[in-house]
């Protein structure tokens, strides 16, 4: 495998590099985010190991730029930032895995092998369905050139539907994904919010993205409803 390691902690990087070379892998090392982005977009790698806090560009900016450039090389974030929101941001920007420092080298190698086996399928950071687009990281949704004004709940529901575009999802599935796990209210709240969402993303544009599948649930049209 050919690996790109982008990290400004030279001591950690050198240890990681030596151990990866011992595995028989070819390892390229860069200590700056901007240089890492340039190398990752101009050359082919099997896996990219990426720190978050770096000079030039931080790891979030690097992985987001890669995905926007349609570079789908698997990215493992290797960082000292261990907060839940740090990890959530990394995945929203397009990372595939996340490991905090200090780390087990055995675990690192296993995860990198898993990423390499998975390969580089397209995993767009911005979701689209026809003229509908939604960027979870930037928390922006648009219909064509018009930015949509959505409440947090409406945004979450639209994101869930767009991640399952063309598929029928039940009210229970929507509740489990969009509402708190402890929610014990009426499932009809889903119907209410579908109505709200239609008024935001469909009615003003003469579209019909959200379809009701009677007796089952809802489906977001893959083409965005026209």
C-alpha atoms as a PDB file:
ATOM      1  CA  UNK A   1       0.000   0.000   0.000  1.00  0.00           C
ATOM      2  CA  UNK A   2       1.031   3.591  -0.550  1.00  0.00           C
ATOM      3  CA  UNK A   3       0.246   5.856   2.410  1.00  0.00           C
ATOM      4  CA  UNK A   4       0.288   9.634   2.796  1.00  0.00           C
ATOM      5  CA  UNK A   5       0.830  10.915   6.341  1.00  0.00           C
ATOM      6  CA  UNK A   6       0.049  14.618   6.917  1.00  0.00           C
ATOM      7  CA  UNK A   7       1.013  15.700  10.438  1.00  0.00           C
ATOM      8  CA  UNK A   8       3.241  18.436  11.867  1.00  0.00           C
ATOM      9  CA  UNK A   9       4.250  16.386  14.935  1.00  0.00           C
ATOM     10  CA  UNK A  10       7.568  15.157  13.570  1.00  0.00           C
ATOM     11  CA  UNK A  11       8.273  12.731  16.427  1.00  0.00           C
ATOM     12  CA  UNK A  12       4.936  10.956  16.033  1.00  0.00           C
ATOM     13  CA  UNK A  13       5.226  10.957  12.265  1.00  0.00           C
ATOM     14  CA  UNK A  14       8.675   9.401  12.261  1.00  0.00           C
ATOM     15  CA  UNK A  15       7.536   6.608  14.595  1.00  0.00           C
ATOM     16  CA  UNK A  16       4.461   5.955  12.456  1.00  0.00           C
ATOM     17  CA  UNK A  17       6.521   6.053   9.261  1.00  0.00           C
ATOM     18  CA  UNK A  18       9.069   3.507  10.521  1.00  0.00           C
ATOM     19  CA  UNK A  19       6.370   1.105  11.668  1.00  0.00           C
ATOM     20  CA  UNK A  20       4.470   1.381   8.375  1.00  0.00           C
ATOM     21  CA  UNK A  21       7.638   0.797   6.381  1.00  0.00           C
ATOM     22  CA  UNK A  22       8.208  -2.314   8.518  1.00  0.00           C
ATOM     23  CA  UNK A  23       4.791  -3.497   7.294  1.00  0.00           C
ATOM     24  CA  UNK A  24       6.097  -3.219   3.736  1.00  0.00           C
ATOM     25  CA  UNK A  25       4.149  -0.075   2.879  1.00  0.00           C
ATOM     26  CA  UNK A  26       5.412   2.930   0.918  1.00  0.00           C
ATOM     27  CA  UNK A  27       5.006   6.063   3.048  1.00  0.00           C
ATOM     28  CA  UNK A  28       5.076   9.721   1.969  1.00  0.00           C
ATOM     29  CA  UNK A  29       5.231  12.337   4.746  1.00  0.00           C
ATOM     30  CA  UNK A  30       4.149  15.988   4.686  1.00  0.00           C
ATOM     31  CA  UNK A  31       4.144  18.342   7.700  1.00  0.00           C
ATOM     32  CA  UNK A  32       1.834  21.051   6.352  1.00  0.00           C
ATOM     33  CA  UNK A  33      -1.878  20.930   5.510  1.00  0.00           C
ATOM     34  CA  UNK A  34      -1.641  22.917   2.271  1.00  0.00           C
ATOM     35  CA  UNK A  35       1.224  20.758   0.986  1.00  0.00           C
ATOM     36  CA  UNK A  36      -0.678  17.654   2.048  1.00  0.00           C
ATOM     37  CA  UNK A  37      -3.723  18.744   0.052  1.00  0.00           C
ATOM     38  CA  UNK A  38      -1.585  19.419  -3.003  1.00  0.00           C
ATOM     39  CA  UNK A  39       0.062  16.004  -2.798  1.00  0.00           C
ATOM     40  CA  UNK A  40      -3.188  14.151  -2.106  1.00  0.00           C
ATOM     41  CA  UNK A  41      -4.883  15.686  -5.151  1.00  0.00           C
ATOM     42  CA  UNK A  42      -1.966  15.213  -7.560  1.00  0.00           C
ATOM     43  CA  UNK A  43      -0.852  11.679  -6.624  1.00  0.00           C
ATOM     44  CA  UNK A  44      -2.545   8.371  -5.896  1.00  0.00           C
ATOM     45  CA  UNK A  45      -2.593   6.884  -2.374  1.00  0.00           C
ATOM     46  CA  UNK A  46      -4.409   3.945  -0.821  1.00  0.00           C
ATOM     47  CA  UNK A  47      -4.988   5.683   2.537  1.00  0.00           C
ATOM     48  CA  UNK A  48      -4.345   9.192   3.893  1.00  0.00           C
ATOM     49  CA  UNK A  49      -3.532   9.679   7.595  1.00  0.00           C
ATOM     50  CA  UNK A  50      -4.383  13.241   8.544  1.00  0.00           C
ATOM     51  CA  UNK A  51      -3.871  15.350  11.667  1.00  0.00           C
ATOM     52  CA  UNK A  52      -6.340  18.145  12.452  1.00  0.00           C
ATOM     53  CA  UNK A  53      -4.290  20.992  13.925  1.00  0.00           C
ATOM     54  CA  UNK A  54      -1.584  21.888  11.397  1.00  0.00           C
ATOM     55  CA  UNK A  55      -0.047  24.955   9.776  1.00  0.00           C
ATOM     56  CA  UNK A  56      -1.266  25.996   6.337  1.00  0.00           C
ATOM     57  CA  UNK A  57      -4.627  24.245   6.383  1.00  0.00           C
ATOM     58  CA  UNK A  58      -6.121  22.239   9.209  1.00  0.00           C
ATOM     59  CA  UNK A  59      -7.230  18.657   8.678  1.00  0.00           C
ATOM     60  CA  UNK A  60     -10.907  19.563   8.420  1.00  0.00           C
ATOM     61  CA  UNK A  61     -10.169  21.945   5.544  1.00  0.00           C
ATOM     62  CA  UNK A  62      -7.960  19.385   3.826  1.00  0.00           C
ATOM     63  CA  UNK A  63     -10.489  16.548   3.851  1.00  0.00           C
ATOM     64  CA  UNK A  64     -13.328  18.839   2.866  1.00  0.00           C
ATOM     65  CA  UNK A  65     -11.306  20.177  -0.075  1.00  0.00           C
ATOM     66  CA  UNK A  66     -10.456  16.634  -1.137  1.00  0.00           C
ATOM     67  CA  UNK A  67     -14.099  15.612  -1.229  1.00  0.00           C
ATOM     68  CA  UNK A  68     -15.102  18.756  -3.077  1.00  0.00           C
ATOM     69  CA  UNK A  69     -12.411  17.913  -5.642  1.00  0.00           C
ATOM     70  CA  UNK A  70     -13.912  14.410  -5.891  1.00  0.00           C
ATOM     71  CA  UNK A  71     -10.853  12.755  -4.392  1.00  0.00           C
ATOM     72  CA  UNK A  72     -12.314   9.781  -2.508  1.00  0.00           C
ATOM     73  CA  UNK A  73      -9.128   8.267  -1.041  1.00  0.00           C
ATOM     74  CA  UNK A  74      -9.974   6.893   2.437  1.00  0.00           C
ATOM     75  CA  UNK A  75      -8.949   9.349   5.170  1.00  0.00           C
ATOM     76  CA  UNK A  76      -8.137   8.421   8.760  1.00  0.00           C
ATOM     77  CA  UNK A  77      -7.944  11.370  11.152  1.00  0.00           C
ATOM     78  CA  UNK A  78      -5.137  10.818  13.687  1.00  0.00           C
ATOM     79  CA  UNK A  79      -5.305  13.566  16.288  1.00  0.00           C
ATOM     80  CA  UNK A  80      -5.084  14.551  19.937  1.00  0.00           C
ATOM     81  CA  UNK A  81      -8.554  16.159  19.700  1.00  0.00           C
ATOM     82  CA  UNK A  82     -10.843  13.674  21.430  1.00  0.00           C
ATOM     83  CA  UNK A  83     -14.125  15.558  21.776  1.00  0.00           C
ATOM     84  CA  UNK A  84     -17.384  14.175  20.402  1.00  0.00           C
ATOM     85  CA  UNK A  85     -17.947  17.287  18.320  1.00  0.00           C
ATOM     86  CA  UNK A  86     -14.412  17.071  16.922  1.00  0.00           C
ATOM     87  CA  UNK A  87     -15.163  13.562  15.684  1.00  0.00           C
ATOM     88  CA  UNK A  88     -18.592  14.510  14.356  1.00  0.00           C
ATOM     89  CA  UNK A  89     -17.090  17.430  12.414  1.00  0.00           C
ATOM     90  CA  UNK A  90     -14.436  15.169  10.895  1.00  0.00           C
ATOM     91  CA  UNK A  91     -17.026  12.696   9.619  1.00  0.00           C
ATOM     92  CA  UNK A  92     -19.279  15.487   8.348  1.00  0.00           C
ATOM     93  CA  UNK A  93     -16.378  16.937   6.357  1.00  0.00           C
ATOM     94  CA  UNK A  94     -15.734  13.556   4.718  1.00  0.00           C
ATOM     95  CA  UNK A  95     -13.317  11.567   6.907  1.00  0.00           C
ATOM     96  CA  UNK A  96     -13.716   7.786   6.997  1.00  0.00           C
ATOM     97  CA  UNK A  97     -12.222   6.957  10.403  1.00  0.00           C
ATOM     98  CA  UNK A  98     -10.956   8.727  13.523  1.00  0.00           C
ATOM     99  CA  UNK A  99      -8.276   7.692  16.009  1.00  0.00           C
ATOM    100  CA  UNK A 100      -7.035   9.747  18.950  1.00  0.00           C
ATOM    101  CA  UNK A 101      -3.475  10.133  20.229  1.00  0.00           C
ATOM    102  CA  UNK A 102      -1.981   8.329  22.074  1.00  0.00           C
ATOM    103  CA  UNK A 103      -2.988   5.304  20.049  1.00  0.00           C
ATOM    104  CA  UNK A 104      -2.261   1.626  19.615  1.00  0.00           C
ATOM    105  CA  UNK A 105      -0.171   0.961  16.530  1.00  0.00           C
ATOM    106  CA  UNK A 106      -1.855  -2.444  16.160  1.00  0.00           C
ATOM    107  CA  UNK A 107      -5.253  -0.735  16.020  1.00  0.00           C
ATOM    108  CA  UNK A 108      -3.970   1.916  13.596  1.00  0.00           C
ATOM    109  CA  UNK A 109      -2.658  -0.719  11.191  1.00  0.00           C
ATOM    110  CA  UNK A 110      -5.886  -2.746  11.417  1.00  0.00           C
ATOM    111  CA  UNK A 111      -8.023   0.284  10.663  1.00  0.00           C
ATOM    112  CA  UNK A 112      -5.840   1.284   7.733  1.00  0.00           C
ATOM    113  CA  UNK A 113      -6.096  -2.193   6.257  1.00  0.00           C
ATOM    114  CA  UNK A 114      -9.882  -2.020   6.641  1.00  0.00           C
ATOM    115  CA  UNK A 115      -9.969   1.343   4.857  1.00  0.00           C
ATOM    116  CA  UNK A 116      -7.769   0.026   2.053  1.00  0.00           C
ATOM    117  CA  UNK A 117     -10.079  -2.979   1.590  1.00  0.00           C
ATOM    118  CA  UNK A 118     -13.050  -0.637   1.382  1.00  0.00           C
ATOM    119  CA  UNK A 119     -11.349   1.269  -1.406  1.00  0.00           C
ATOM    120  CA  UNK A 120     -12.416   4.720  -2.565  1.00  0.00           C
ATOM    121  CA  UNK A 121     -16.130   4.728  -3.426  1.00  0.00           C
ATOM    122  CA  UNK A 122     -17.698   8.115  -4.004  1.00  0.00           C
ATOM    123  CA  UNK A 123     -18.799   9.662  -0.693  1.00  0.00           C
ATOM    124  CA  UNK A 124     -19.869  13.226  -1.419  1.00  0.00           C
ATOM    125  CA  UNK A 125     -19.834  15.591   1.537  1.00  0.00           C
ATOM    126  CA  UNK A 126     -22.624  17.606  -0.106  1.00  0.00           C
ATOM    127  CA  UNK A 127     -25.860  15.669  -0.632  1.00  0.00           C
ATOM    128  CA  UNK A 128     -27.849  16.320  -3.806  1.00  0.00           C
ATOM    129  CA  UNK A 129     -31.210  15.348  -5.293  1.00  0.00           C
ATOM    130  CA  UNK A 130     -31.935  17.207  -8.492  1.00  0.00           C
ATOM    131  CA  UNK A 131     -31.810  20.914  -7.694  1.00  0.00           C
ATOM    132  CA  UNK A 132     -31.826  20.192  -3.953  1.00  0.00           C
ATOM    133  CA  UNK A 133     -28.459  20.303  -2.188  1.00  0.00           C
ATOM    134  CA  UNK A 134     -27.514  19.980   1.472  1.00  0.00           C
ATOM    135  CA  UNK A 135     -24.112  20.471   3.079  1.00  0.00           C
ATOM    136  CA  UNK A 136     -24.213  18.944   6.603  1.00  0.00           C
ATOM    137  CA  UNK A 137     -20.866  20.438   7.655  1.00  0.00           C
ATOM    138  CA  UNK A 138     -21.719  23.989   6.611  1.00  0.00           C
ATOM    139  CA  UNK A 139     -25.363  23.491   7.660  1.00  0.00           C
ATOM    140  CA  UNK A 140     -26.594  24.936   4.369  1.00  0.00           C
ATOM    141  CA  UNK A 141     -29.454  23.668   2.217  1.00  0.00           C
ATOM    142  CA  UNK A 142     -30.471  25.087  -1.171  1.00  0.00           C
ATOM    143  CA  UNK A 143     -33.000  24.641  -3.923  1.00  0.00           C
ATOM    144  CA  UNK A 144     -31.131  25.696  -7.039  1.00  0.00           C
ATOM    145  CA  UNK A 145     -29.566  29.079  -6.317  1.00  0.00           C
ATOM    146  CA  UNK A 146     -31.955  29.793  -3.435  1.00  0.00           C
ATOM    147  CA  UNK A 147     -30.703  29.080   0.074  1.00  0.00           C
ATOM    148  CA  UNK A 148     -33.409  27.489   2.218  1.00  0.00           C
ATOM    149  CA  UNK A 149     -34.289  28.709   5.704  1.00  0.00           C
ATOM    150  CA  UNK A 150     -34.865  25.615   7.829  1.00  0.00           C
ATOM    151  CA  UNK A 151     -35.218  24.989  11.546  1.00  0.00           C
ATOM    152  CA  UNK A 152     -32.684  22.512  13.021  1.00  0.00           C
ATOM    153  CA  UNK A 153     -35.364  19.770  13.047  1.00  0.00           C
ATOM    154  CA  UNK A 154     -36.364  20.455   9.447  1.00  0.00           C
ATOM    155  CA  UNK A 155     -32.708  20.417   8.407  1.00  0.00           C
ATOM    156  CA  UNK A 156     -32.133  17.079  10.151  1.00  0.00           C
ATOM    157  CA  UNK A 157     -35.203  15.567   8.540  1.00  0.00           C
ATOM    158  CA  UNK A 158     -34.164  16.752   5.084  1.00  0.00           C
ATOM    159  CA  UNK A 159     -30.661  15.368   5.620  1.00  0.00           C
ATOM    160  CA  UNK A 160     -32.081  11.978   6.614  1.00  0.00           C
ATOM    161  CA  UNK A 161     -34.395  11.873   3.599  1.00  0.00           C
ATOM    162  CA  UNK A 162     -31.600  12.919   1.234  1.00  0.00           C
ATOM    163  CA  UNK A 163     -29.263  10.246   2.590  1.00  0.00           C
ATOM    164  CA  UNK A 164     -32.009   7.761   1.665  1.00  0.00           C
ATOM    165  CA  UNK A 165     -33.231   9.427  -1.537  1.00  0.00           C
ATOM    166  CA  UNK A 166     -35.272   7.108  -3.714  1.00  0.00           C
ATOM    167  CA  UNK A 167     -35.960   4.819  -0.738  1.00  0.00           C
ATOM    168  CA  UNK A 168     -39.130   4.510   1.313  1.00  0.00           C
ATOM    169  CA  UNK A 169     -38.543   5.308   4.998  1.00  0.00           C
ATOM    170  CA  UNK A 170     -41.098   4.726   7.750  1.00  0.00           C
ATOM    171  CA  UNK A 171     -42.234   7.193  10.380  1.00  0.00           C
ATOM    172  CA  UNK A 172     -40.486   5.084  13.013  1.00  0.00           C
ATOM    173  CA  UNK A 173     -37.191   5.281  11.115  1.00  0.00           C
ATOM    174  CA  UNK A 174     -37.509   9.045  10.826  1.00  0.00           C
ATOM    175  CA  UNK A 175     -38.292   9.358  14.526  1.00  0.00           C
ATOM    176  CA  UNK A 176     -35.302   7.212  15.479  1.00  0.00           C
ATOM    177  CA  UNK A 177     -32.930   9.275  13.363  1.00  0.00           C
ATOM    178  CA  UNK A 178     -34.260  12.814  13.723  1.00  0.00           C
ATOM    179  CA  UNK A 179     -35.802  12.913  17.202  1.00  0.00           C
ATOM    180  CA  UNK A 180     -34.182  12.159  20.538  1.00  0.00           C
ATOM    181  CA  UNK A 181     -34.026   8.449  21.398  1.00  0.00           C
ATOM    182  CA  UNK A 182     -36.076   9.180  24.506  1.00  0.00           C
ATOM    183  CA  UNK A 183     -38.939  10.752  22.532  1.00  0.00           C
ATOM    184  CA  UNK A 184     -42.212   9.076  23.519  1.00  0.00           C
ATOM    185  CA  UNK A 185     -44.685  11.344  21.753  1.00  0.00           C
ATOM    186  CA  UNK A 186     -47.076  10.716  18.873  1.00  0.00           C
ATOM    187  CA  UNK A 187     -45.635   9.495  15.563  1.00  0.00           C
ATOM    188  CA  UNK A 188     -47.901  12.033  13.858  1.00  0.00           C
ATOM    189  CA  UNK A 189     -45.265  14.658  14.627  1.00  0.00           C
ATOM    190  CA  UNK A 190     -43.437  13.267  11.591  1.00  0.00           C
ATOM    191  CA  UNK A 191     -46.404  14.110   9.357  1.00  0.00           C
ATOM    192  CA  UNK A 192     -46.491  17.615  10.799  1.00  0.00           C
ATOM    193  CA  UNK A 193     -42.816  18.179  10.025  1.00  0.00           C
ATOM    194  CA  UNK A 194     -43.142  16.691   6.553  1.00  0.00           C
ATOM    195  CA  UNK A 195     -45.797  19.329   5.928  1.00  0.00           C
ATOM    196  CA  UNK A 196     -43.461  22.054   7.233  1.00  0.00           C
ATOM    197  CA  UNK A 197     -40.649  20.793   5.057  1.00  0.00           C
ATOM    198  CA  UNK A 198     -42.774  20.661   1.915  1.00  0.00           C
ATOM    199  CA  UNK A 199     -43.626  24.328   2.434  1.00  0.00           C
ATOM    200  CA  UNK A 200     -39.891  25.110   2.528  1.00  0.00           C
ATOM    201  CA  UNK A 201     -38.451  22.964  -0.247  1.00  0.00           C
ATOM    202  CA  UNK A 202     -41.354  22.192  -2.614  1.00  0.00           C
ATOM    203  CA  UNK A 203     -44.321  24.560  -2.645  1.00  0.00           C
ATOM    204  CA  UNK A 204     -42.435  27.811  -3.447  1.00  0.00           C
ATOM    205  CA  UNK A 205     -40.663  26.093  -6.344  1.00  0.00           C
ATOM    206  CA  UNK A 206     -43.544  24.098  -7.819  1.00  0.00           C
ATOM    207  CA  UNK A 207     -41.773  20.831  -6.950  1.00  0.00           C
ATOM    208  CA  UNK A 208     -42.849  17.571  -5.304  1.00  0.00           C
ATOM    209  CA  UNK A 209     -39.733  16.089  -3.721  1.00  0.00           C
ATOM    210  CA  UNK A 210     -41.310  14.459  -0.676  1.00  0.00           C
ATOM    211  CA  UNK A 211     -43.716  11.703  -1.691  1.00  0.00           C
ATOM    212  CA  UNK A 212     -46.156   9.956   0.635  1.00  0.00           C
ATOM    213  CA  UNK A 213     -46.201   6.177   0.315  1.00  0.00           C
ATOM    214  CA  UNK A 214     -49.574   5.356   1.778  1.00  0.00           C
ATOM    215  CA  UNK A 215     -49.485   2.951   4.696  1.00  0.00           C
ATOM    216  CA  UNK A 216     -45.673   2.850   4.744  1.00  0.00           C
ATOM    217  CA  UNK A 217     -43.975   6.226   5.054  1.00  0.00           C
ATOM    218  CA  UNK A 218     -42.233   8.770   2.842  1.00  0.00           C
ATOM    219  CA  UNK A 219     -39.765   8.891  -0.013  1.00  0.00           C
ATOM    220  CA  UNK A 220     -37.642  11.765  -1.279  1.00  0.00           C
ATOM    221  CA  UNK A 221     -37.562  11.657  -5.088  1.00  0.00           C
ATOM    222  CA  UNK A 222     -34.063  10.974  -6.408  1.00  0.00           C
ATOM    223  CA  UNK A 223     -34.503  13.787  -8.936  1.00  0.00           C
ATOM    224  CA  UNK A 224     -35.565  16.263  -6.254  1.00  0.00           C
ATOM    225  CA  UNK A 225     -39.172  16.349  -7.405  1.00  0.00           C
ATOM    226  CA  UNK A 226     -38.715  18.368 -10.561  1.00  0.00           C
END
